[in-house]
Amino acid sequence: LKVNIWSQKSPIAPWDYRKANNKKK
């Protein structure tokens, strides 16, 4: 239905977001 998060072309899963931010730190 492309609701909220799924209306985005390439949403980033929270676990991937956390992983990427932890590497930056």
mmCIF file of all heavy atoms, coordinates in Angstrom:
data_MODEL
# 
_entry.id   MODEL 
# 
loop_
_atom_site.group_PDB 
_atom_site.id 
_atom_site.type_symbol 
_atom_site.label_atom_id 
_atom_site.label_alt_id 
_atom_site.label_comp_id 
_atom_site.label_asym_id 
_atom_site.label_entity_id 
_atom_site.label_seq_id 
_atom_site.pdbx_PDB_ins_code 
_atom_site.Cartn_x 
_atom_site.Cartn_y 
_atom_site.Cartn_z 
_atom_site.occupancy 
_atom_site.B_iso_or_equiv 
_atom_site.pdbx_formal_charge 
_atom_site.auth_seq_id 
_atom_site.auth_comp_id 
_atom_site.auth_asym_id 
_atom_site.auth_atom_id 
_atom_site.pdbx_PDB_model_num 
ATOM 1   N N   . LEU A 1 1  ? 0.816  -1.221 0.000  1.00 0.00 ? 1  LEU A N   1 
ATOM 2   C CA  . LEU A 1 1  ? 0.000  0.000  0.000  1.00 0.00 ? 1  LEU A CA  1 
ATOM 3   C C   . LEU A 1 1  ? 0.849  1.272  0.000  1.00 0.00 ? 1  LEU A C   1 
ATOM 4   O O   . LEU A 1 1  ? 0.309  2.379  -0.079 1.00 0.00 ? 1  LEU A O   1 
ATOM 5   C CB  . LEU A 1 1  ? -0.938 0.006  1.213  1.00 0.00 ? 1  LEU A CB  1 
ATOM 6   C CG  . LEU A 1 1  ? -2.004 -1.092 1.227  1.00 0.00 ? 1  LEU A CG  1 
ATOM 7   C CD1 . LEU A 1 1  ? -2.700 -1.142 2.583  1.00 0.00 ? 1  LEU A CD1 1 
ATOM 8   C CD2 . LEU A 1 1  ? -3.017 -0.862 0.104  1.00 0.00 ? 1  LEU A CD2 1 
ATOM 9   N N   . LYS A 1 2  ? 2.171  1.108  0.129  1.00 0.00 ? 2  LYS A N   1 
ATOM 10  C CA  . LYS A 1 2  ? 3.124  2.222  0.166  1.00 0.00 ? 2  LYS A CA  1 
ATOM 11  C C   . LYS A 1 2  ? 2.761  3.243  1.257  1.00 0.00 ? 2  LYS A C   1 
ATOM 12  O O   . LYS A 1 2  ? 2.738  4.446  1.041  1.00 0.00 ? 2  LYS A O   1 
ATOM 13  C CB  . LYS A 1 2  ? 3.225  2.899  -1.196 1.00 0.00 ? 2  LYS A CB  1 
ATOM 14  C CG  . LYS A 1 2  ? 3.741  1.969  -2.282 1.00 0.00 ? 2  LYS A CG  1 
ATOM 15  C CD  . LYS A 1 2  ? 3.967  2.696  -3.574 1.00 0.00 ? 2  LYS A CD  1 
ATOM 16  C CE  . LYS A 1 2  ? 4.366  1.804  -4.706 1.00 0.00 ? 2  LYS A CE  1 
ATOM 17  N NZ  . LYS A 1 2  ? 5.562  1.071  -4.598 1.00 0.00 ? 2  LYS A NZ  1 
ATOM 18  N N   . VAL A 1 3  ? 2.512  2.712  2.440  1.00 0.00 ? 3  VAL A N   1 
ATOM 19  C CA  . VAL A 1 3  ? 2.121  3.532  3.585  1.00 0.00 ? 3  VAL A CA  1 
ATOM 20  C C   . VAL A 1 3  ? 3.362  4.007  4.341  1.00 0.00 ? 3  VAL A C   1 
ATOM 21  O O   . VAL A 1 3  ? 4.251  3.216  4.647  1.00 0.00 ? 3  VAL A O   1 
ATOM 22  C CB  . VAL A 1 3  ? 1.214  2.724  4.539  1.00 0.00 ? 3  VAL A CB  1 
ATOM 23  C CG1 . VAL A 1 3  ? 0.766  3.558  5.718  1.00 0.00 ? 3  VAL A CG1 1 
ATOM 24  C CG2 . VAL A 1 3  ? 0.015  2.168  3.803  1.00 0.00 ? 3  VAL A CG2 1 
ATOM 25  N N   . ASN A 1 4  ? 3.412  5.301  4.654  1.00 0.00 ? 4  ASN A N   1 
ATOM 26  C CA  . ASN A 1 4  ? 4.472  5.914  5.468  1.00 0.00 ? 4  ASN A CA  1 
ATOM 27  C C   . ASN A 1 4  ? 5.874  5.495  5.043  1.00 0.00 ? 4  ASN A C   1 
ATOM 28  O O   . ASN A 1 4  ? 6.317  5.887  3.979  1.00 0.00 ? 4  ASN A O   1 
ATOM 29  C CB  . ASN A 1 4  ? 4.204  5.676  6.954  1.00 0.00 ? 4  ASN A CB  1 
ATOM 30  C CG  . ASN A 1 4  ? 3.028  6.508  7.427  1.00 0.00 ? 4  ASN A CG  1 
ATOM 31  O OD1 . ASN A 1 4  ? 2.903  7.679  7.089  1.00 0.00 ? 4  ASN A OD1 1 
ATOM 32  N ND2 . ASN A 1 4  ? 2.142  5.917  8.213  1.00 0.00 ? 4  ASN A ND2 1 
ATOM 33  N N   . ILE A 1 5  ? 6.578  4.704  5.850  1.00 0.00 ? 5  ILE A N   1 
ATOM 34  C CA  . ILE A 1 5  ? 7.955  4.307  5.531  1.00 0.00 ? 5  ILE A CA  1 
ATOM 35  C C   . ILE A 1 5  ? 8.028  3.754  4.110  1.00 0.00 ? 5  ILE A C   1 
ATOM 36  O O   . ILE A 1 5  ? 8.960  4.036  3.365  1.00 0.00 ? 5  ILE A O   1 
ATOM 37  C CB  . ILE A 1 5  ? 8.457  3.217  6.513  1.00 0.00 ? 5  ILE A CB  1 
ATOM 38  C CG1 . ILE A 1 5  ? 8.609  3.773  7.918  1.00 0.00 ? 5  ILE A CG1 1 
ATOM 39  C CG2 . ILE A 1 5  ? 9.783  2.619  6.034  1.00 0.00 ? 5  ILE A CG2 1 
ATOM 40  C CD1 . ILE A 1 5  ? 8.780  2.697  8.973  1.00 0.00 ? 5  ILE A CD1 1 
ATOM 41  N N   . TRP A 1 6  ? 7.035  3.001  3.749  1.00 0.00 ? 6  TRP A N   1 
ATOM 42  C CA  . TRP A 1 6  ? 7.051  2.276  2.471  1.00 0.00 ? 6  TRP A CA  1 
ATOM 43  C C   . TRP A 1 6  ? 6.698  3.164  1.281  1.00 0.00 ? 6  TRP A C   1 
ATOM 44  O O   . TRP A 1 6  ? 6.733  2.706  0.142  1.00 0.00 ? 6  TRP A O   1 
ATOM 45  C CB  . TRP A 1 6  ? 6.153  1.048  2.555  1.00 0.00 ? 6  TRP A CB  1 
ATOM 46  C CG  . TRP A 1 6  ? 6.470  0.271  3.799  1.00 0.00 ? 6  TRP A CG  1 
ATOM 47  C CD1 . TRP A 1 6  ? 5.636  0.021  4.842  1.00 0.00 ? 6  TRP A CD1 1 
ATOM 48  C CD2 . TRP A 1 6  ? 7.727  -0.299 4.164  1.00 0.00 ? 6  TRP A CD2 1 
ATOM 49  N NE1 . TRP A 1 6  ? 6.296  -0.670 5.825  1.00 0.00 ? 6  TRP A NE1 1 
ATOM 50  C CE2 . TRP A 1 6  ? 7.581  -0.874 5.434  1.00 0.00 ? 6  TRP A CE2 1 
ATOM 51  C CE3 . TRP A 1 6  ? 8.972  -0.373 3.531  1.00 0.00 ? 6  TRP A CE3 1 
ATOM 52  C CZ2 . TRP A 1 6  ? 8.623  -1.526 6.086  1.00 0.00 ? 6  TRP A CZ2 1 
ATOM 53  C CZ3 . TRP A 1 6  ? 10.012 -1.022 4.183  1.00 0.00 ? 6  TRP A CZ3 1 
ATOM 54  C CH2 . TRP A 1 6  ? 9.831  -1.587 5.445  1.00 0.00 ? 6  TRP A CH2 1 
ATOM 55  N N   . SER A 1 7  ? 6.412  4.439  1.544  1.00 0.00 ? 7  SER A N   1 
ATOM 56  C CA  . SER A 1 7  ? 6.200  5.384  0.442  1.00 0.00 ? 7  SER A CA  1 
ATOM 57  C C   . SER A 1 7  ? 7.552  5.864  -0.103 1.00 0.00 ? 7  SER A C   1 
ATOM 58  O O   . SER A 1 7  ? 7.621  6.443  -1.182 1.00 0.00 ? 7  SER A O   1 
ATOM 59  C CB  . SER A 1 7  ? 5.367  6.583  0.904  1.00 0.00 ? 7  SER A CB  1 
ATOM 60  O OG  . SER A 1 7  ? 6.084  7.347  1.861  1.00 0.00 ? 7  SER A OG  1 
ATOM 61  N N   . GLN A 1 8  ? 8.614  5.617  0.644  1.00 0.00 ? 8  GLN A N   1 
ATOM 62  C CA  . GLN A 1 8  ? 9.958  6.013  0.231  1.00 0.00 ? 8  GLN A CA  1 
ATOM 63  C C   . GLN A 1 8  ? 10.523 5.014  -0.783 1.00 0.00 ? 8  GLN A C   1 
ATOM 64  O O   . GLN A 1 8  ? 10.188 3.824  -0.746 1.00 0.00 ? 8  GLN A O   1 
ATOM 65  C CB  . GLN A 1 8  ? 10.888 6.065  1.432  1.00 0.00 ? 8  GLN A CB  1 
ATOM 66  C CG  . GLN A 1 8  ? 10.490 7.101  2.456  1.00 0.00 ? 8  GLN A CG  1 
ATOM 67  C CD  . GLN A 1 8  ? 11.446 7.085  3.614  1.00 0.00 ? 8  GLN A CD  1 
ATOM 68  O OE1 . GLN A 1 8  ? 11.776 6.044  4.158  1.00 0.00 ? 8  GLN A OE1 1 
ATOM 69  N NE2 . GLN A 1 8  ? 11.907 8.275  3.986  1.00 0.00 ? 8  GLN A NE2 1 
ATOM 70  N N   . LYS A 1 9  ? 11.386 5.526  -1.642 1.00 0.00 ? 9  LYS A N   1 
ATOM 71  C CA  . LYS A 1 9  ? 11.975 4.671  -2.671 1.00 0.00 ? 9  LYS A CA  1 
ATOM 72  C C   . LYS A 1 9  ? 12.853 3.573  -2.068 1.00 0.00 ? 9  LYS A C   1 
ATOM 73  O O   . LYS A 1 9  ? 12.738 2.411  -2.426 1.00 0.00 ? 9  LYS A O   1 
ATOM 74  C CB  . LYS A 1 9  ? 12.788 5.519  -3.654 1.00 0.00 ? 9  LYS A CB  1 
ATOM 75  C CG  . LYS A 1 9  ? 13.282 4.757  -4.841 1.00 0.00 ? 9  LYS A CG  1 
ATOM 76  C CD  . LYS A 1 9  ? 13.953 5.652  -5.857 1.00 0.00 ? 9  LYS A CD  1 
ATOM 77  C CE  . LYS A 1 9  ? 14.433 4.819  -7.042 1.00 0.00 ? 9  LYS A CE  1 
ATOM 78  N NZ  . LYS A 1 9  ? 15.023 5.647  -8.084 1.00 0.00 ? 9  LYS A NZ  1 
ATOM 79  N N   . SER A 1 10 ? 13.734 3.944  -1.157 1.00 0.00 ? 10 SER A N   1 
ATOM 80  C CA  . SER A 1 10 ? 14.652 2.972  -0.538 1.00 0.00 ? 10 SER A CA  1 
ATOM 81  C C   . SER A 1 10 ? 14.780 3.230  0.961  1.00 0.00 ? 10 SER A C   1 
ATOM 82  O O   . SER A 1 10 ? 15.801 3.750  1.426  1.00 0.00 ? 10 SER A O   1 
ATOM 83  C CB  . SER A 1 10 ? 16.038 3.065  -1.191 1.00 0.00 ? 10 SER A CB  1 
ATOM 84  O OG  . SER A 1 10 ? 15.970 2.794  -2.551 1.00 0.00 ? 10 SER A OG  1 
ATOM 85  N N   . PRO A 1 11 ? 13.761 2.866  1.742  1.00 0.00 ? 11 PRO A N   1 
ATOM 86  C CA  . PRO A 1 11 ? 13.861 3.105  3.188  1.00 0.00 ? 11 PRO A CA  1 
ATOM 87  C C   . PRO A 1 11 ? 14.987 2.281  3.806  1.00 0.00 ? 11 PRO A C   1 
ATOM 88  O O   . PRO A 1 11 ? 15.271 1.163  3.360  1.00 0.00 ? 11 PRO A O   1 
ATOM 89  C CB  . PRO A 1 11 ? 12.499 2.656  3.714  1.00 0.00 ? 11 PRO A CB  1 
ATOM 90  C CG  . PRO A 1 11 ? 11.975 1.715  2.698  1.00 0.00 ? 11 PRO A CG  1 
ATOM 91  C CD  . PRO A 1 11 ? 12.538 2.146  1.384  1.00 0.00 ? 11 PRO A CD  1 
ATOM 92  N N   . ILE A 1 12 ? 15.632 2.865  4.787  1.00 0.00 ? 12 ILE A N   1 
ATOM 93  C CA  . ILE A 1 12 ? 16.744 2.191  5.466  1.00 0.00 ? 12 ILE A CA  1 
ATOM 94  C C   . ILE A 1 12 ? 16.225 1.594  6.768  1.00 0.00 ? 12 ILE A C   1 
ATOM 95  O O   . ILE A 1 12 ? 15.657 2.307  7.608  1.00 0.00 ? 12 ILE A O   1 
ATOM 96  C CB  . ILE A 1 12 ? 17.896 3.175  5.745  1.00 0.00 ? 12 ILE A CB  1 
ATOM 97  C CG1 . ILE A 1 12 ? 18.434 3.728  4.420  1.00 0.00 ? 12 ILE A CG1 1 
ATOM 98  C CG2 . ILE A 1 12 ? 19.007 2.507  6.547  1.00 0.00 ? 12 ILE A CG2 1 
ATOM 99  C CD1 . ILE A 1 12 ? 19.373 4.890  4.577  1.00 0.00 ? 12 ILE A CD1 1 
ATOM 100 N N   . ALA A 1 13 ? 16.420 0.303  6.927  1.00 0.00 ? 13 ALA A N   1 
ATOM 101 C CA  . ALA A 1 13 ? 15.990 -0.386 8.149  1.00 0.00 ? 13 ALA A CA  1 
ATOM 102 C C   . ALA A 1 13 ? 16.728 0.199  9.348  1.00 0.00 ? 13 ALA A C   1 
ATOM 103 O O   . ALA A 1 13 ? 17.908 0.540  9.243  1.00 0.00 ? 13 ALA A O   1 
ATOM 104 C CB  . ALA A 1 13 ? 16.260 -1.880 8.035  1.00 0.00 ? 13 ALA A CB  1 
ATOM 105 N N   . PRO A 1 14 ? 16.064 0.323  10.482 1.00 0.00 ? 14 PRO A N   1 
ATOM 106 C CA  . PRO A 1 14 ? 16.705 0.909  11.666 1.00 0.00 ? 14 PRO A CA  1 
ATOM 107 C C   . PRO A 1 14 ? 17.989 0.198  12.073 1.00 0.00 ? 14 PRO A C   1 
ATOM 108 O O   . PRO A 1 14 ? 18.942 0.846  12.502 1.00 0.00 ? 14 PRO A O   1 
ATOM 109 C CB  . PRO A 1 14 ? 15.642 0.776  12.761 1.00 0.00 ? 14 PRO A CB  1 
ATOM 110 C CG  . PRO A 1 14 ? 14.368 0.617  12.039 1.00 0.00 ? 14 PRO A CG  1 
ATOM 111 C CD  . PRO A 1 14 ? 14.674 -0.031 10.735 1.00 0.00 ? 14 PRO A CD  1 
ATOM 112 N N   . TRP A 1 15 ? 18.019 -1.127 11.961 1.00 0.00 ? 15 TRP A N   1 
ATOM 113 C CA  . TRP A 1 15 ? 19.230 -1.862 12.346 1.00 0.00 ? 15 TRP A CA  1 
ATOM 114 C C   . TRP A 1 15 ? 20.395 -1.521 11.424 1.00 0.00 ? 15 TRP A C   1 
ATOM 115 O O   . TRP A 1 15 ? 21.525 -1.458 11.887 1.00 0.00 ? 15 TRP A O   1 
ATOM 116 C CB  . TRP A 1 15 ? 18.989 -3.369 12.426 1.00 0.00 ? 15 TRP A CB  1 
ATOM 117 C CG  . TRP A 1 15 ? 18.332 -3.980 11.232 1.00 0.00 ? 15 TRP A CG  1 
ATOM 118 C CD1 . TRP A 1 15 ? 18.947 -4.447 10.093 1.00 0.00 ? 15 TRP A CD1 1 
ATOM 119 C CD2 . TRP A 1 15 ? 16.939 -4.181 11.039 1.00 0.00 ? 15 TRP A CD2 1 
ATOM 120 N NE1 . TRP A 1 15 ? 18.021 -4.931 9.219  1.00 0.00 ? 15 TRP A NE1 1 
ATOM 121 C CE2 . TRP A 1 15 ? 16.767 -4.791 9.769  1.00 0.00 ? 15 TRP A CE2 1 
ATOM 122 C CE3 . TRP A 1 15 ? 15.808 -3.933 11.809 1.00 0.00 ? 15 TRP A CE3 1 
ATOM 123 C CZ2 . TRP A 1 15 ? 15.526 -5.141 9.251  1.00 0.00 ? 15 TRP A CZ2 1 
ATOM 124 C CZ3 . TRP A 1 15 ? 14.566 -4.279 11.299 1.00 0.00 ? 15 TRP A CZ3 1 
ATOM 125 C CH2 . TRP A 1 15 ? 14.431 -4.874 10.040 1.00 0.00 ? 15 TRP A CH2 1 
ATOM 126 N N   . ASP A 1 16 ? 20.134 -1.252 10.143 1.00 0.00 ? 16 ASP A N   1 
ATOM 127 C CA  . ASP A 1 16 ? 21.196 -0.828 9.220  1.00 0.00 ? 16 ASP A CA  1 
ATOM 128 C C   . ASP A 1 16 ? 21.635 0.607  9.527  1.00 0.00 ? 16 ASP A C   1 
ATOM 129 O O   . ASP A 1 16 ? 22.819 0.933  9.469  1.00 0.00 ? 16 ASP A O   1 
ATOM 130 C CB  . ASP A 1 16 ? 20.730 -0.931 7.760  1.00 0.00 ? 16 ASP A CB  1 
ATOM 131 C CG  . ASP A 1 16 ? 20.544 -2.367 7.312  1.00 0.00 ? 16 ASP A CG  1 
ATOM 132 O OD1 . ASP A 1 16 ? 21.212 -3.265 7.876  1.00 0.00 ? 16 ASP A OD1 1 
ATOM 133 O OD2 . ASP A 1 16 ? 19.718 -2.604 6.413  1.00 0.00 ? 16 ASP A OD2 1 
ATOM 134 N N   . TYR A 1 17 ? 20.676 1.451  9.868  1.00 0.00 ? 17 TYR A N   1 
ATOM 135 C CA  . TYR A 1 17 ? 20.962 2.839  10.233 1.00 0.00 ? 17 TYR A CA  1 
ATOM 136 C C   . TYR A 1 17 ? 21.851 2.884  11.480 1.00 0.00 ? 17 TYR A C   1 
ATOM 137 O O   . TYR A 1 17 ? 22.846 3.604  11.521 1.00 0.00 ? 17 TYR A O   1 
ATOM 138 C CB  . TYR A 1 17 ? 19.641 3.576  10.472 1.00 0.00 ? 17 TYR A CB  1 
ATOM 139 C CG  . TYR A 1 17 ? 19.781 5.019  10.855 1.00 0.00 ? 17 TYR A CG  1 
ATOM 140 C CD1 . TYR A 1 17 ? 19.942 6.006  9.890  1.00 0.00 ? 17 TYR A CD1 1 
ATOM 141 C CD2 . TYR A 1 17 ? 19.732 5.416  12.191 1.00 0.00 ? 17 TYR A CD2 1 
ATOM 142 C CE1 . TYR A 1 17 ? 20.060 7.348  10.239 1.00 0.00 ? 17 TYR A CE1 1 
ATOM 143 C CE2 . TYR A 1 17 ? 19.849 6.751  12.553 1.00 0.00 ? 17 TYR A CE2 1 
ATOM 144 C CZ  . TYR A 1 17 ? 20.009 7.712  11.568 1.00 0.00 ? 17 TYR A CZ  1 
ATOM 145 O OH  . TYR A 1 17 ? 20.128 9.039  11.930 1.00 0.00 ? 17 TYR A OH  1 
ATOM 146 N N   . ARG A 1 18 ? 21.500 2.080  12.497 1.00 0.00 ? 18 ARG A N   1 
ATOM 147 C CA  . ARG A 1 18 ? 22.309 2.042  13.731 1.00 0.00 ? 18 ARG A CA  1 
ATOM 148 C C   . ARG A 1 18 ? 23.718 1.545  13.439 1.00 0.00 ? 18 ARG A C   1 
ATOM 149 O O   . ARG A 1 18 ? 24.702 2.098  13.940 1.00 0.00 ? 18 ARG A O   1 
ATOM 150 C CB  . ARG A 1 18 ? 21.633 1.145  14.781 1.00 0.00 ? 18 ARG A CB  1 
ATOM 151 C CG  . ARG A 1 18 ? 20.416 1.754  15.433 1.00 0.00 ? 18 ARG A CG  1 
ATOM 152 C CD  . ARG A 1 18 ? 19.945 0.925  16.609 1.00 0.00 ? 18 ARG A CD  1 
ATOM 153 N NE  . ARG A 1 18 ? 19.501 -0.405 16.229 1.00 0.00 ? 18 ARG A NE  1 
ATOM 154 C CZ  . ARG A 1 18 ? 18.246 -0.722 15.900 1.00 0.00 ? 18 ARG A CZ  1 
ATOM 155 N NH1 . ARG A 1 18 ? 17.299 0.187  15.886 1.00 0.00 ? 18 ARG A NH1 1 
ATOM 156 N NH2 . ARG A 1 18 ? 17.935 -1.970 15.593 1.00 0.00 ? 18 ARG A NH2 1 
ATOM 157 N N   . LYS A 1 19 ? 23.799 0.505  12.629 1.00 0.00 ? 19 LYS A N   1 
ATOM 158 C CA  . LYS A 1 19 ? 25.104 -0.073 12.284 1.00 0.00 ? 19 LYS A CA  1 
ATOM 159 C C   . LYS A 1 19 ? 25.993 0.967  11.592 1.00 0.00 ? 19 LYS A C   1 
ATOM 160 O O   . LYS A 1 19 ? 27.165 1.128  11.919 1.00 0.00 ? 19 LYS A O   1 
ATOM 161 C CB  . LYS A 1 19 ? 24.894 -1.284 11.380 1.00 0.00 ? 19 LYS A CB  1 
ATOM 162 C CG  . LYS A 1 19 ? 26.081 -2.173 11.227 1.00 0.00 ? 19 LYS A CG  1 
ATOM 163 C CD  . LYS A 1 19 ? 25.656 -3.388 10.389 1.00 0.00 ? 19 LYS A CD  1 
ATOM 164 C CE  . LYS A 1 19 ? 26.715 -4.438 10.361 1.00 0.00 ? 19 LYS A CE  1 
ATOM 165 N NZ  . LYS A 1 19 ? 26.299 -5.616 9.573  1.00 0.00 ? 19 LYS A NZ  1 
ATOM 166 N N   . ALA A 1 20 ? 25.426 1.684  10.634 1.00 0.00 ? 20 ALA A N   1 
ATOM 167 C CA  . ALA A 1 20 ? 26.188 2.715  9.896  1.00 0.00 ? 20 ALA A CA  1 
ATOM 168 C C   . ALA A 1 20 ? 26.612 3.841  10.831 1.00 0.00 ? 20 ALA A C   1 
ATOM 169 O O   . ALA A 1 20 ? 27.747 4.329  10.738 1.00 0.00 ? 20 ALA A O   1 
ATOM 170 C CB  . ALA A 1 20 ? 25.342 3.266  8.742  1.00 0.00 ? 20 ALA A CB  1 
ATOM 171 N N   . ASN A 1 21 ? 25.737 4.266  11.733 1.00 0.00 ? 21 ASN A N   1 
ATOM 172 C CA  . ASN A 1 21 ? 26.078 5.348  12.657 1.00 0.00 ? 21 ASN A CA  1 
ATOM 173 C C   . ASN A 1 21 ? 27.102 4.915  13.693 1.00 0.00 ? 21 ASN A C   1 
ATOM 174 O O   . ASN A 1 21 ? 27.922 5.726  14.120 1.00 0.00 ? 21 ASN A O   1 
ATOM 175 C CB  . ASN A 1 21 ? 24.820 5.894  13.341 1.00 0.00 ? 21 ASN A CB  1 
ATOM 176 C CG  . ASN A 1 21 ? 24.080 6.832  12.427 1.00 0.00 ? 21 ASN A CG  1 
ATOM 177 O OD1 . ASN A 1 21 ? 24.604 7.286  11.396 1.00 0.00 ? 21 ASN A OD1 1 
ATOM 178 N ND2 . ASN A 1 21 ? 22.847 7.148  12.770 1.00 0.00 ? 21 ASN A ND2 1 
ATOM 179 N N   . ASN A 1 22 ? 27.065 3.660  14.105 1.00 0.00 ? 22 ASN A N   1 
ATOM 180 C CA  . ASN A 1 22 ? 28.062 3.159  15.055 1.00 0.00 ? 22 ASN A CA  1 
ATOM 181 C C   . ASN A 1 22 ? 29.447 3.134  14.424 1.00 0.00 ? 22 ASN A C   1 
ATOM 182 O O   . ASN A 1 22 ? 30.445 3.391  15.087 1.00 0.00 ? 22 ASN A O   1 
ATOM 183 C CB  . ASN A 1 22 ? 27.681 1.773  15.586 1.00 0.00 ? 22 ASN A CB  1 
ATOM 184 C CG  . ASN A 1 22 ? 26.560 1.872  16.590 1.00 0.00 ? 22 ASN A CG  1 
ATOM 185 O OD1 . ASN A 1 22 ? 26.315 2.904  17.179 1.00 0.00 ? 22 ASN A OD1 1 
ATOM 186 N ND2 . ASN A 1 22 ? 25.855 0.756  16.784 1.00 0.00 ? 22 ASN A ND2 1 
ATOM 187 N N   . LYS A 1 23 ? 29.531 2.811  13.150 1.00 0.00 ? 23 LYS A N   1 
ATOM 188 C CA  . LYS A 1 23 ? 30.828 2.805  12.440 1.00 0.00 ? 23 LYS A CA  1 
ATOM 189 C C   . LYS A 1 23 ? 31.385 4.215  12.329 1.00 0.00 ? 23 LYS A C   1 
ATOM 190 O O   . LYS A 1 23 ? 32.576 4.421  12.440 1.00 0.00 ? 23 LYS A O   1 
ATOM 191 C CB  . LYS A 1 23 ? 30.667 2.189  11.032 1.00 0.00 ? 23 LYS A CB  1 
ATOM 192 C CG  . LYS A 1 23 ? 30.558 0.690  11.077 1.00 0.00 ? 23 LYS A CG  1 
ATOM 193 C CD  . LYS A 1 23 ? 30.449 0.122  9.669  1.00 0.00 ? 23 LYS A CD  1 
ATOM 194 C CE  . LYS A 1 23 ? 30.283 -1.374 9.718  1.00 0.00 ? 23 LYS A CE  1 
ATOM 195 N NZ  . LYS A 1 23 ? 30.105 -1.953 8.377  1.00 0.00 ? 23 LYS A NZ  1 
ATOM 196 N N   . LYS A 1 24 ? 30.508 5.208  12.107 1.00 0.00 ? 24 LYS A N   1 
ATOM 197 C CA  . LYS A 1 24 ? 30.946 6.601  12.005 1.00 0.00 ? 24 LYS A CA  1 
ATOM 198 C C   . LYS A 1 24 ? 31.536 7.109  13.315 1.00 0.00 ? 24 LYS A C   1 
ATOM 199 O O   . LYS A 1 24 ? 32.442 7.931  13.316 1.00 0.00 ? 24 LYS A O   1 
ATOM 200 C CB  . LYS A 1 24 ? 29.767 7.502  11.601 1.00 0.00 ? 24 LYS A CB  1 
ATOM 201 C CG  . LYS A 1 24 ? 29.338 7.331  10.174 1.00 0.00 ? 24 LYS A CG  1 
ATOM 202 C CD  . LYS A 1 24 ? 28.145 8.222  9.878  1.00 0.00 ? 24 LYS A CD  1 
ATOM 203 C CE  . LYS A 1 24 ? 27.584 7.968  8.503  1.00 0.00 ? 24 LYS A CE  1 
ATOM 204 N NZ  . LYS A 1 24 ? 26.367 8.751  8.252  1.00 0.00 ? 24 LYS A NZ  1 
ATOM 205 N N   . LYS A 1 25 ? 30.994 6.627  14.435 1.00 0.00 ? 25 LYS A N   1 
ATOM 206 C CA  . LYS A 1 25 ? 31.444 7.084  15.761 1.00 0.00 ? 25 LYS A CA  1 
ATOM 207 C C   . LYS A 1 25 ? 32.820 6.546  16.136 1.00 0.00 ? 25 LYS A C   1 
ATOM 208 O O   . LYS A 1 25 ? 33.496 7.087  16.975 1.00 0.00 ? 25 LYS A O   1 
ATOM 209 C CB  . LYS A 1 25 ? 30.433 6.668  16.829 1.00 0.00 ? 25 LYS A CB  1 
ATOM 210 C CG  . LYS A 1 25 ? 29.127 7.428  16.724 1.00 0.00 ? 25 LYS A CG  1 
ATOM 211 C CD  . LYS A 1 25 ? 28.137 6.925  17.761 1.00 0.00 ? 25 LYS A CD  1 
ATOM 212 C CE  . LYS A 1 25 ? 26.789 7.608  17.580 1.00 0.00 ? 25 LYS A CE  1 
ATOM 213 N NZ  . LYS A 1 25 ? 25.780 7.070  18.495 1.00 0.00 ? 25 LYS A NZ  1 
# 
